[in-house]
Amino acid sequence: MPLTGHAELALRSGLGEAAGKEVKDTINTALQSITSGPTKVTGGTVTTANAATHALVTGLTTVLGVTVTVTGSGAPTDIVTTVAIDGSSVTVYFWKATAAGDTAMTAATAVHNISWIAVGN
C-alpha cells in the first residue's frame, strides 16, 4: 500500500519497534534530502507465479527506483535479479547460470519469494 506525504516510510521488519523506527527515520531523512517534491515509498512481499519474470504492482504513478531481495533461508538457485522500470510499471527478472561450468545467464526456472521497496510519486 502506498504511503503518502513527503518522503514517508512505514517499515515492517523483525528489528523490533525501536530499531525499526531508527531505520525508518534514517531512510526518511535521506529521501527528503534527494527529492524535490512529494515522494511515496511502498513495498511488500510476494511469491512469484512465473519463474523468469514478475510484474510488481506498486500503486505509484511514476517509479523512480526499486530494490528487490530474494528471501528465504535456503541457498539461492539464481545468481542475478534485475528490474526494468517503465513509468509506473516494474518488471523483475530472475537469472541463473546456464549450467555447471557455463556462467552465461539464462532465465530462471524456479519461483521466488521476494521482498521489495519502490520509491516514486
N, C-alpha and C. Protein backbone atom coordinates (compact mmCIF):
# COMPACT_ATOMS: atom_id res chain seq x y z
N MET A 1 0.84 -1.18 0.00
CA MET A 1 0.00 0.00 0.00
C MET A 1 0.88 1.23 0.00
N PRO A 2 0.66 2.18 -0.93
CA PRO A 2 1.47 3.38 -0.96
C PRO A 2 1.25 4.24 0.26
N LEU A 3 2.29 4.89 0.69
CA LEU A 3 2.23 5.79 1.83
C LEU A 3 2.42 7.20 1.31
N THR A 4 1.49 8.08 1.60
CA THR A 4 1.54 9.41 1.03
C THR A 4 2.28 10.38 1.93
N GLY A 5 2.54 11.56 1.40
CA GLY A 5 3.25 12.58 2.15
C GLY A 5 4.65 12.73 1.61
N HIS A 6 5.37 13.67 2.13
CA HIS A 6 6.73 13.92 1.67
C HIS A 6 7.69 12.93 2.32
N ALA A 7 8.21 12.03 1.52
CA ALA A 7 9.22 11.05 1.96
C ALA A 7 8.78 10.29 3.20
N GLU A 8 7.65 9.66 3.12
CA GLU A 8 7.14 8.87 4.23
C GLU A 8 7.48 7.40 4.03
N LEU A 9 7.77 6.72 5.10
CA LEU A 9 8.09 5.30 5.03
C LEU A 9 7.55 4.59 6.25
N ALA A 10 6.88 3.49 6.01
CA ALA A 10 6.49 2.60 7.10
C ALA A 10 7.37 1.37 6.96
N LEU A 11 7.84 0.84 8.04
CA LEU A 11 8.78 -0.26 8.00
C LEU A 11 8.21 -1.43 8.78
N ARG A 12 8.10 -2.57 8.10
CA ARG A 12 7.68 -3.80 8.77
C ARG A 12 8.86 -4.75 8.74
N SER A 13 9.43 -5.02 9.89
CA SER A 13 10.59 -5.90 9.93
C SER A 13 10.66 -6.58 11.28
N GLY A 14 11.60 -7.47 11.40
CA GLY A 14 11.82 -8.16 12.66
C GLY A 14 12.84 -7.44 13.53
N LEU A 15 13.11 -6.17 13.24
CA LEU A 15 14.12 -5.44 14.00
C LEU A 15 13.65 -5.04 15.39
N GLY A 16 12.38 -5.05 15.63
CA GLY A 16 11.84 -4.52 16.87
C GLY A 16 11.46 -3.07 16.65
N GLU A 17 10.56 -2.58 17.46
CA GLU A 17 10.00 -1.25 17.24
C GLU A 17 11.04 -0.14 17.30
N ALA A 18 11.95 -0.15 18.28
CA ALA A 18 12.92 0.93 18.42
C ALA A 18 13.90 0.95 17.26
N ALA A 19 14.46 -0.20 16.92
CA ALA A 19 15.41 -0.27 15.80
C ALA A 19 14.70 0.04 14.49
N GLY A 20 13.48 -0.46 14.32
CA GLY A 20 12.71 -0.18 13.12
C GLY A 20 12.45 1.31 12.95
N LYS A 21 12.13 2.01 14.05
CA LYS A 21 11.90 3.45 13.99
C LYS A 21 13.17 4.18 13.59
N GLU A 22 14.31 3.75 14.12
CA GLU A 22 15.58 4.39 13.78
C GLU A 22 15.88 4.22 12.30
N VAL A 23 15.68 3.02 11.76
CA VAL A 23 15.90 2.78 10.33
C VAL A 23 14.94 3.62 9.51
N LYS A 24 13.66 3.64 9.89
CA LYS A 24 12.65 4.43 9.18
C LYS A 24 13.04 5.90 9.16
N ASP A 25 13.43 6.44 10.31
CA ASP A 25 13.80 7.86 10.39
C ASP A 25 15.02 8.16 9.52
N THR A 26 16.00 7.28 9.52
CA THR A 26 17.20 7.48 8.71
C THR A 26 16.86 7.49 7.22
N ILE A 27 16.04 6.55 6.79
CA ILE A 27 15.64 6.49 5.38
C ILE A 27 14.82 7.71 5.00
N ASN A 28 13.89 8.10 5.85
CA ASN A 28 13.06 9.26 5.54
C ASN A 28 13.91 10.53 5.43
N THR A 29 14.91 10.68 6.29
CA THR A 29 15.80 11.84 6.22
C THR A 29 16.56 11.83 4.90
N ALA A 30 17.05 10.67 4.50
CA ALA A 30 17.77 10.56 3.23
C ALA A 30 16.86 10.89 2.06
N LEU A 31 15.64 10.39 2.09
CA LEU A 31 14.69 10.67 1.00
C LEU A 31 14.40 12.16 0.89
N GLN A 32 14.24 12.82 2.01
CA GLN A 32 13.95 14.25 1.98
C GLN A 32 15.09 15.03 1.37
N SER A 33 16.31 14.57 1.53
CA SER A 33 17.45 15.30 1.00
C SER A 33 17.65 15.08 -0.49
N ILE A 34 17.05 14.02 -1.08
CA ILE A 34 17.26 13.75 -2.50
C ILE A 34 16.03 14.00 -3.36
N THR A 35 14.92 14.35 -2.77
CA THR A 35 13.72 14.57 -3.55
C THR A 35 13.29 16.02 -3.44
N SER A 36 12.71 16.52 -4.52
CA SER A 36 12.29 17.91 -4.52
C SER A 36 10.78 18.05 -4.45
N GLY A 37 10.05 16.95 -4.47
CA GLY A 37 8.60 17.01 -4.43
C GLY A 37 8.05 15.89 -3.59
N PRO A 38 6.74 15.80 -3.54
CA PRO A 38 6.13 14.71 -2.77
C PRO A 38 6.61 13.35 -3.27
N THR A 39 7.00 12.51 -2.35
CA THR A 39 7.51 11.19 -2.69
C THR A 39 6.73 10.15 -1.90
N LYS A 40 6.53 9.00 -2.51
CA LYS A 40 5.89 7.88 -1.83
C LYS A 40 6.85 6.71 -1.83
N VAL A 41 6.77 5.94 -0.76
CA VAL A 41 7.53 4.70 -0.67
C VAL A 41 6.52 3.60 -0.40
N THR A 42 6.64 2.52 -1.14
CA THR A 42 5.74 1.40 -0.96
C THR A 42 6.57 0.12 -1.01
N GLY A 43 6.00 -0.97 -0.62
CA GLY A 43 6.74 -2.22 -0.66
C GLY A 43 5.87 -3.38 -0.27
N GLY A 44 6.44 -4.55 -0.30
CA GLY A 44 5.69 -5.72 0.06
C GLY A 44 6.50 -6.98 -0.12
N THR A 45 5.84 -8.09 0.08
CA THR A 45 6.43 -9.40 -0.17
C THR A 45 5.49 -10.18 -1.06
N VAL A 46 6.05 -11.03 -1.89
CA VAL A 46 5.23 -11.79 -2.82
C VAL A 46 5.96 -13.06 -3.21
N THR A 47 5.20 -14.09 -3.52
CA THR A 47 5.76 -15.28 -4.15
C THR A 47 5.43 -15.18 -5.62
N THR A 48 6.44 -15.22 -6.46
CA THR A 48 6.22 -15.04 -7.89
C THR A 48 5.49 -16.24 -8.48
N ALA A 49 4.64 -15.97 -9.45
CA ALA A 49 3.92 -17.04 -10.13
C ALA A 49 4.73 -17.56 -11.31
N ASN A 50 5.56 -16.70 -11.88
CA ASN A 50 6.37 -17.04 -13.03
C ASN A 50 7.83 -17.10 -12.59
N ALA A 51 8.56 -18.08 -13.04
CA ALA A 51 9.94 -18.24 -12.59
C ALA A 51 10.88 -17.20 -13.16
N ALA A 52 10.66 -16.74 -14.39
CA ALA A 52 11.63 -15.87 -15.06
C ALA A 52 11.34 -14.38 -14.86
N THR A 53 10.06 -13.99 -14.73
CA THR A 53 9.73 -12.56 -14.58
C THR A 53 8.57 -12.41 -13.60
N HIS A 54 8.45 -11.21 -13.06
CA HIS A 54 7.31 -10.89 -12.20
C HIS A 54 7.02 -9.40 -12.30
N ALA A 55 5.77 -9.05 -12.59
CA ALA A 55 5.36 -7.65 -12.65
C ALA A 55 4.94 -7.21 -11.25
N LEU A 56 5.59 -6.16 -10.72
CA LEU A 56 5.23 -5.63 -9.42
C LEU A 56 4.10 -4.61 -9.57
N VAL A 57 3.13 -4.67 -8.69
CA VAL A 57 2.06 -3.67 -8.63
C VAL A 57 2.40 -2.74 -7.48
N THR A 58 2.88 -1.54 -7.81
CA THR A 58 3.37 -0.62 -6.79
C THR A 58 2.33 0.39 -6.35
N GLY A 59 1.36 0.72 -7.20
CA GLY A 59 0.39 1.76 -6.89
C GLY A 59 0.95 3.16 -7.12
N LEU A 60 2.17 3.26 -7.63
CA LEU A 60 2.80 4.55 -7.89
C LEU A 60 2.52 4.99 -9.33
N THR A 61 2.40 6.29 -9.54
CA THR A 61 2.21 6.83 -10.88
C THR A 61 3.51 6.79 -11.67
N THR A 62 4.60 7.15 -11.01
CA THR A 62 5.93 7.10 -11.61
C THR A 62 6.87 6.45 -10.62
N VAL A 63 7.53 5.40 -11.04
CA VAL A 63 8.51 4.71 -10.19
C VAL A 63 9.88 5.29 -10.50
N LEU A 64 10.56 5.76 -9.46
CA LEU A 64 11.90 6.33 -9.60
C LEU A 64 12.99 5.31 -9.33
N GLY A 65 12.70 4.35 -8.47
CA GLY A 65 13.68 3.32 -8.13
C GLY A 65 13.02 2.19 -7.39
N VAL A 66 13.62 1.03 -7.45
CA VAL A 66 13.08 -0.15 -6.76
C VAL A 66 14.24 -1.05 -6.35
N THR A 67 14.07 -1.69 -5.20
CA THR A 67 15.02 -2.68 -4.71
C THR A 67 14.27 -3.98 -4.48
N VAL A 68 14.84 -5.07 -4.94
CA VAL A 68 14.23 -6.39 -4.80
C VAL A 68 15.23 -7.32 -4.12
N THR A 69 14.75 -8.07 -3.15
CA THR A 69 15.57 -9.06 -2.47
C THR A 69 14.86 -10.40 -2.52
N VAL A 70 15.56 -11.42 -2.94
CA VAL A 70 15.03 -12.78 -2.89
C VAL A 70 15.15 -13.24 -1.45
N THR A 71 14.05 -13.67 -0.85
CA THR A 71 14.05 -14.03 0.57
C THR A 71 13.99 -15.54 0.75
N GLY A 72 14.38 -15.98 1.92
CA GLY A 72 14.33 -17.40 2.25
C GLY A 72 15.60 -17.82 2.96
N SER A 73 15.57 -18.98 3.55
CA SER A 73 16.72 -19.44 4.33
C SER A 73 17.59 -20.43 3.56
N GLY A 74 17.11 -20.91 2.42
CA GLY A 74 17.89 -21.86 1.63
C GLY A 74 18.88 -21.17 0.72
N ALA A 75 19.79 -21.95 0.18
CA ALA A 75 20.76 -21.41 -0.78
C ALA A 75 20.03 -20.95 -2.03
N PRO A 76 20.36 -19.77 -2.55
CA PRO A 76 19.67 -19.28 -3.74
C PRO A 76 20.01 -20.14 -4.96
N THR A 77 19.01 -20.36 -5.80
CA THR A 77 19.23 -21.13 -7.02
C THR A 77 19.53 -20.21 -8.19
N ASP A 78 19.32 -18.93 -8.02
CA ASP A 78 19.56 -17.96 -9.09
C ASP A 78 20.67 -17.02 -8.68
N ILE A 79 21.37 -16.49 -9.64
CA ILE A 79 22.53 -15.65 -9.34
C ILE A 79 22.18 -14.18 -9.39
N VAL A 80 21.33 -13.77 -10.32
CA VAL A 80 21.11 -12.35 -10.57
C VAL A 80 19.62 -12.04 -10.61
N THR A 81 19.24 -10.91 -9.99
CA THR A 81 17.90 -10.37 -10.11
C THR A 81 18.04 -8.97 -10.68
N THR A 82 17.31 -8.66 -11.75
CA THR A 82 17.34 -7.33 -12.36
C THR A 82 15.92 -6.79 -12.43
N VAL A 83 15.79 -5.47 -12.59
CA VAL A 83 14.47 -4.86 -12.74
C VAL A 83 14.48 -3.92 -13.93
N ALA A 84 13.31 -3.79 -14.55
CA ALA A 84 13.10 -2.81 -15.62
C ALA A 84 11.97 -1.91 -15.17
N ILE A 85 12.21 -0.59 -15.20
CA ILE A 85 11.22 0.39 -14.80
C ILE A 85 10.78 1.14 -16.04
N ASP A 86 9.47 1.21 -16.26
CA ASP A 86 8.91 1.95 -17.38
C ASP A 86 7.71 2.74 -16.87
N GLY A 87 7.96 3.97 -16.42
CA GLY A 87 6.88 4.79 -15.86
C GLY A 87 6.39 4.21 -14.55
N SER A 88 5.17 3.68 -14.56
CA SER A 88 4.60 3.09 -13.35
C SER A 88 4.78 1.58 -13.30
N SER A 89 5.34 1.00 -14.35
CA SER A 89 5.49 -0.45 -14.42
C SER A 89 6.88 -0.89 -13.99
N VAL A 90 6.92 -1.96 -13.20
CA VAL A 90 8.18 -2.56 -12.78
C VAL A 90 8.11 -4.05 -13.08
N THR A 91 9.09 -4.53 -13.82
CA THR A 91 9.19 -5.97 -14.08
C THR A 91 10.50 -6.46 -13.47
N VAL A 92 10.40 -7.53 -12.70
CA VAL A 92 11.57 -8.14 -12.08
C VAL A 92 11.95 -9.36 -12.92
N TYR A 93 13.24 -9.48 -13.21
CA TYR A 93 13.74 -10.60 -13.99
C TYR A 93 14.68 -11.43 -13.11
N PHE A 94 14.58 -12.74 -13.24
CA PHE A 94 15.40 -13.67 -12.46
C PHE A 94 16.27 -14.47 -13.42
N TRP A 95 17.57 -14.54 -13.10
CA TRP A 95 18.54 -15.19 -13.98
C TRP A 95 19.35 -16.23 -13.22
N LYS A 96 19.85 -17.21 -13.95
CA LYS A 96 20.72 -18.22 -13.36
C LYS A 96 21.78 -18.62 -14.38
N ALA A 97 22.80 -19.30 -13.91
CA ALA A 97 23.83 -19.81 -14.82
C ALA A 97 23.21 -20.88 -15.71
N THR A 98 23.66 -20.94 -16.95
CA THR A 98 23.12 -21.91 -17.91
C THR A 98 23.34 -23.34 -17.43
N ALA A 99 24.52 -23.63 -16.94
CA ALA A 99 24.84 -24.98 -16.49
C ALA A 99 26.12 -24.93 -15.66
N ALA A 100 26.45 -26.03 -15.01
CA ALA A 100 27.70 -26.11 -14.27
C ALA A 100 28.84 -25.86 -15.25
N GLY A 101 29.70 -24.92 -14.91
CA GLY A 101 30.81 -24.59 -15.78
C GLY A 101 30.46 -23.62 -16.90
N ASP A 102 29.20 -23.23 -17.02
CA ASP A 102 28.75 -22.28 -18.05
C ASP A 102 28.00 -21.16 -17.36
N THR A 103 28.67 -20.03 -17.14
CA THR A 103 28.07 -18.94 -16.38
C THR A 103 27.28 -17.96 -17.23
N ALA A 104 27.02 -18.28 -18.50
CA ALA A 104 26.14 -17.43 -19.30
C ALA A 104 24.76 -17.42 -18.65
N MET A 105 24.17 -16.24 -18.55
CA MET A 105 22.88 -16.11 -17.87
C MET A 105 21.73 -16.58 -18.76
N THR A 106 20.80 -17.28 -18.12
CA THR A 106 19.58 -17.72 -18.78
C THR A 106 18.43 -17.49 -17.80
N ALA A 107 17.21 -17.45 -18.30
CA ALA A 107 16.06 -17.21 -17.44
C ALA A 107 15.94 -18.28 -16.35
N ALA A 108 15.57 -17.85 -15.16
CA ALA A 108 15.42 -18.77 -14.03
C ALA A 108 14.25 -19.72 -14.26
N THR A 109 14.28 -20.83 -13.54
CA THR A 109 13.23 -21.84 -13.70
C THR A 109 12.48 -22.12 -12.40
N ALA A 110 12.85 -21.47 -11.30
CA ALA A 110 12.18 -21.69 -10.01
C ALA A 110 11.41 -20.44 -9.62
N VAL A 111 10.26 -20.62 -8.96
CA VAL A 111 9.54 -19.46 -8.44
C VAL A 111 10.31 -18.91 -7.25
N HIS A 112 10.00 -17.67 -6.85
CA HIS A 112 10.79 -16.99 -5.83
C HIS A 112 9.89 -16.32 -4.80
N ASN A 113 10.39 -16.21 -3.59
CA ASN A 113 9.80 -15.33 -2.58
C ASN A 113 10.64 -14.08 -2.60
N ILE A 114 10.00 -12.92 -2.78
CA ILE A 114 10.74 -11.68 -2.84
C ILE A 114 10.14 -10.63 -1.90
N SER A 115 11.00 -9.74 -1.44
CA SER A 115 10.59 -8.54 -0.73
C SER A 115 11.05 -7.38 -1.58
N TRP A 116 10.25 -6.30 -1.60
CA TRP A 116 10.62 -5.18 -2.48
C TRP A 116 10.21 -3.85 -1.86
N ILE A 117 10.93 -2.80 -2.28
CA ILE A 117 10.62 -1.43 -1.89
C ILE A 117 10.72 -0.60 -3.17
N ALA A 118 9.71 0.22 -3.43
CA ALA A 118 9.72 1.11 -4.59
C ALA A 118 9.55 2.56 -4.11
N VAL A 119 10.25 3.46 -4.77
CA VAL A 119 10.16 4.89 -4.47
C VAL A 119 9.66 5.59 -5.73
N GLY A 120 8.74 6.51 -5.57
CA GLY A 120 8.21 7.24 -6.72
C GLY A 120 7.19 8.26 -6.28
N ASN A 121 6.30 8.60 -7.18
CA ASN A 121 5.24 9.54 -6.86
C ASN A 121 4.00 9.20 -7.66
